[in-house]
Amino acid sequence: MFEGKYVVALGERDGVPGPVIAEVLRAAGANVIAMVTECFV
């Protein structure tokens, strides 16, 4: 599904962090071009 796609992984501090999302997307074949974990208050 994500093979060859470029993605930006935006995570949340109290939820799922960006690096975790990025690893899952890489395992699905995506190219992660940016990842960040933010705090949305």
PDB file of N, CA and C in Angstrom:
ATOM      1  N   MET A   1       0.814  -1.191   0.000  1.00  0.00           N
ATOM      2  CA  MET A   1       0.000   0.000   0.000  1.00  0.00           C
ATOM      3  C   MET A   1       0.864   1.265   0.000  1.00  0.00           C
ATOM      4  N   PHE A   2       1.944   1.289   0.767  1.00  0.00           N
ATOM      5  CA  PHE A   2       2.798   2.472   0.858  1.00  0.00           C
ATOM      6  C   PHE A   2       4.084   2.322   0.057  1.00  0.00           C
ATOM      7  N   GLU A   3       4.219   1.263  -0.684  1.00  0.00           N
ATOM      8  CA  GLU A   3       5.444   0.993  -1.451  1.00  0.00           C
ATOM      9  C   GLU A   3       5.745   2.155  -2.388  1.00  0.00           C
ATOM     10  N   GLY A   4       6.930   2.768  -2.207  1.00  0.00           N
ATOM     11  CA  GLY A   4       7.363   3.859  -3.060  1.00  0.00           C
ATOM     12  C   GLY A   4       6.748   5.212  -2.755  1.00  0.00           C
ATOM     13  N   LYS A   5       5.925   5.312  -1.729  1.00  0.00           N
ATOM     14  CA  LYS A   5       5.298   6.586  -1.371  1.00  0.00           C
ATOM     15  C   LYS A   5       6.206   7.353  -0.418  1.00  0.00           C
ATOM     16  N   TYR A   6       6.138   8.664  -0.461  1.00  0.00           N
ATOM     17  CA  TYR A   6       6.860   9.529   0.465  1.00  0.00           C
ATOM     18  C   TYR A   6       5.877  10.012   1.516  1.00  0.00           C
ATOM     19  N   VAL A   7       6.266   9.909   2.793  1.00  0.00           N
ATOM     20  CA  VAL A   7       5.354  10.267   3.878  1.00  0.00           C
ATOM     21  C   VAL A   7       6.054  11.138   4.916  1.00  0.00           C
ATOM     22  N   VAL A   8       5.233  11.878   5.660  1.00  0.00           N
ATOM     23  CA  VAL A   8       5.677  12.656   6.810  1.00  0.00           C
ATOM     24  C   VAL A   8       4.979  12.049   8.022  1.00  0.00           C
ATOM     25  N   ALA A   9       5.744  11.638   9.019  1.00  0.00           N
ATOM     26  CA  ALA A   9       5.187  11.014  10.222  1.00  0.00           C
ATOM     27  C   ALA A   9       5.049  12.072  11.305  1.00  0.00           C
ATOM     28  N   LEU A  10       3.815  12.401  11.650  1.00  0.00           N
ATOM     29  CA  LEU A  10       3.533  13.394  12.677  1.00  0.00           C
ATOM     30  C   LEU A  10       2.931  12.686  13.878  1.00  0.00           C
ATOM     31  N   GLY A  11       3.694  12.624  14.963  1.00  0.00           N
ATOM     32  CA  GLY A  11       3.237  11.935  16.168  1.00  0.00           C
ATOM     33  C   GLY A  11       2.854  12.914  17.258  1.00  0.00           C
ATOM     34  N   GLU A  12       2.302  12.370  18.317  1.00  0.00           N
ATOM     35  CA  GLU A  12       1.888  13.183  19.456  1.00  0.00           C
ATOM     36  C   GLU A  12       2.579  12.671  20.714  1.00  0.00           C
ATOM     37  N   ARG A  13       2.951  13.586  21.580  1.00  0.00           N
ATOM     38  CA  ARG A  13       3.686  13.232  22.800  1.00  0.00           C
ATOM     39  C   ARG A  13       2.895  12.295  23.700  1.00  0.00           C
ATOM     40  N   ASP A  14       1.604  12.533  23.872  1.00  0.00           N
ATOM     41  CA  ASP A  14       0.784  11.701  24.754  1.00  0.00           C
ATOM     42  C   ASP A  14       0.148  10.519  24.029  1.00  0.00           C
ATOM     43  N   GLY A  15       0.368  10.421  22.734  1.00  0.00           N
ATOM     44  CA  GLY A  15      -0.201   9.327  21.940  1.00  0.00           C
ATOM     45  C   GLY A  15       0.914   8.472  21.362  1.00  0.00           C
ATOM     46  N   VAL A  16       0.921   8.346  20.065  1.00  0.00           N
ATOM     47  CA  VAL A  16       1.937   7.555  19.369  1.00  0.00           C
ATOM     48  C   VAL A  16       3.024   8.509  18.869  1.00  0.00           C
ATOM     49  N   PRO A  17       4.288   8.319  19.296  1.00  0.00           N
ATOM     50  CA  PRO A  17       5.366   9.209  18.880  1.00  0.00           C
ATOM     51  C   PRO A  17       5.727   9.041  17.397  1.00  0.00           C
ATOM     52  N   GLY A  18       6.260  10.098  16.814  1.00  0.00           N
ATOM     53  CA  GLY A  18       6.641  10.105  15.407  1.00  0.00           C
ATOM     54  C   GLY A  18       7.567   8.980  14.991  1.00  0.00           C
ATOM     55  N   PRO A  19       8.640   8.668  15.752  1.00  0.00           N
ATOM     56  CA  PRO A  19       9.534   7.592  15.336  1.00  0.00           C
ATOM     57  C   PRO A  19       8.850   6.220  15.237  1.00  0.00           C
ATOM     58  N   VAL A  20       7.860   5.978  16.063  1.00  0.00           N
ATOM     59  CA  VAL A  20       7.132   4.701  16.007  1.00  0.00           C
ATOM     60  C   VAL A  20       6.305   4.639  14.719  1.00  0.00           C
ATOM     61  N   ILE A  21       5.627   5.730  14.408  1.00  0.00           N
ATOM     62  CA  ILE A  21       4.852   5.792  13.170  1.00  0.00           C
ATOM     63  C   ILE A  21       5.774   5.613  11.967  1.00  0.00           C
ATOM     64  N   ALA A  22       6.930   6.263  12.010  1.00  0.00           N
ATOM     65  CA  ALA A  22       7.889   6.170  10.912  1.00  0.00           C
ATOM     66  C   ALA A  22       8.362   4.734  10.707  1.00  0.00           C
ATOM     67  N   GLU A  23       8.649   4.023  11.765  1.00  0.00           N
ATOM     68  CA  GLU A  23       9.110   2.641  11.632  1.00  0.00           C
ATOM     69  C   GLU A  23       8.042   1.745  11.021  1.00  0.00           C
ATOM     70  N   VAL A  24       6.798   1.934  11.422  1.00  0.00           N
ATOM     71  CA  VAL A  24       5.701   1.141  10.857  1.00  0.00           C
ATOM     72  C   VAL A  24       5.560   1.439   9.360  1.00  0.00           C
ATOM     73  N   LEU A  25       5.638   2.705   9.004  1.00  0.00           N
ATOM     74  CA  LEU A  25       5.513   3.071   7.594  1.00  0.00           C
ATOM     75  C   LEU A  25       6.689   2.563   6.767  1.00  0.00           C
ATOM     76  N   ARG A  26       7.888   2.594   7.338  1.00  0.00           N
ATOM     77  CA  ARG A  26       9.055   2.029   6.630  1.00  0.00           C
ATOM     78  C   ARG A  26       8.874   0.534   6.399  1.00  0.00           C
ATOM     79  N   ALA A  27       8.353  -0.161   7.396  1.00  0.00           N
ATOM     80  CA  ALA A  27       8.113  -1.600   7.256  1.00  0.00           C
ATOM     81  C   ALA A  27       7.070  -1.880   6.169  1.00  0.00           C
ATOM     82  N   ALA A  28       6.174  -0.919   5.929  1.00  0.00           N
ATOM     83  CA  ALA A  28       5.153  -1.074   4.895  1.00  0.00           C
ATOM     84  C   ALA A  28       5.670  -0.636   3.524  1.00  0.00           C
ATOM     85  N   GLY A  29       6.930  -0.183   3.457  1.00  0.00           N
ATOM     86  CA  GLY A  29       7.528   0.162   2.179  1.00  0.00           C
ATOM     87  C   GLY A  29       7.585   1.638   1.856  1.00  0.00           C
ATOM     88  N   ALA A  30       7.207   2.501   2.782  1.00  0.00           N
ATOM     89  CA  ALA A  30       7.203   3.940   2.525  1.00  0.00           C
ATOM     90  C   ALA A  30       8.587   4.541   2.717  1.00  0.00           C
ATOM     91  N   ASN A  31       8.807   5.674   2.090  1.00  0.00           N
ATOM     92  CA  ASN A  31      10.013   6.472   2.289  1.00  0.00           C
ATOM     93  C   ASN A  31       9.636   7.614   3.223  1.00  0.00           C
ATOM     94  N   VAL A  32      10.154   7.583   4.449  1.00  0.00           N
ATOM     95  CA  VAL A  32       9.837   8.618   5.437  1.00  0.00           C
ATOM     96  C   VAL A  32      10.789   9.789   5.204  1.00  0.00           C
ATOM     97  N   ILE A  33      10.224  10.939   4.840  1.00  0.00           N
ATOM     98  CA  ILE A  33      11.064  12.100   4.558  1.00  0.00           C
ATOM     99  C   ILE A  33      11.193  13.023   5.755  1.00  0.00           C
ATOM    100  N   ALA A  34      10.267  12.932   6.704  1.00  0.00           N
ATOM    101  CA  ALA A  34      10.340  13.740   7.920  1.00  0.00           C
ATOM    102  C   ALA A  34       9.522  13.073   9.007  1.00  0.00           C
ATOM    103  N   MET A  35       9.969  13.228  10.247  1.00  0.00           N
ATOM    104  CA  MET A  35       9.201  12.742  11.382  1.00  0.00           C
ATOM    105  C   MET A  35       9.380  13.703  12.537  1.00  0.00           C
ATOM    106  N   VAL A  36       8.304  13.887  13.275  1.00  0.00           N
ATOM    107  CA  VAL A  36       8.332  14.808  14.394  1.00  0.00           C
ATOM    108  C   VAL A  36       7.303  14.344  15.423  1.00  0.00           C
ATOM    109  N   THR A  37       7.598  14.646  16.675  1.00  0.00           N
ATOM    110  CA  THR A  37       6.647  14.392  17.759  1.00  0.00           C
ATOM    111  C   THR A  37       6.332  15.744  18.384  1.00  0.00           C
ATOM    112  N   GLU A  38       5.078  16.107  18.397  1.00  0.00           N
ATOM    113  CA  GLU A  38       4.634  17.404  18.913  1.00  0.00           C
ATOM    114  C   GLU A  38       3.730  17.204  20.123  1.00  0.00           C
ATOM    115  N   CYS A  39       3.537  18.281  20.860  1.00  0.00           N
ATOM    116  CA  CYS A  39       2.631  18.290  21.984  1.00  0.00           C
ATOM    117  C   CYS A  39       1.463  19.196  21.630  1.00  0.00           C
ATOM    118  N   PHE A  40       0.282  18.603  21.469  1.00  0.00           N
ATOM    119  CA  PHE A  40      -0.908  19.360  21.115  1.00  0.00           C
ATOM    120  C   PHE A  40      -1.751  19.569  22.374  1.00  0.00           C
ATOM    121  N   VAL A  41      -1.666  20.759  22.929  1.00  0.00           N
ATOM    122  CA  VAL A  41      -2.397  21.077  24.158  1.00  0.00           C
ATOM    123  C   VAL A  41      -3.466  22.094  23.859  1.00  0.00           C
TER     124      VAL A  41
END
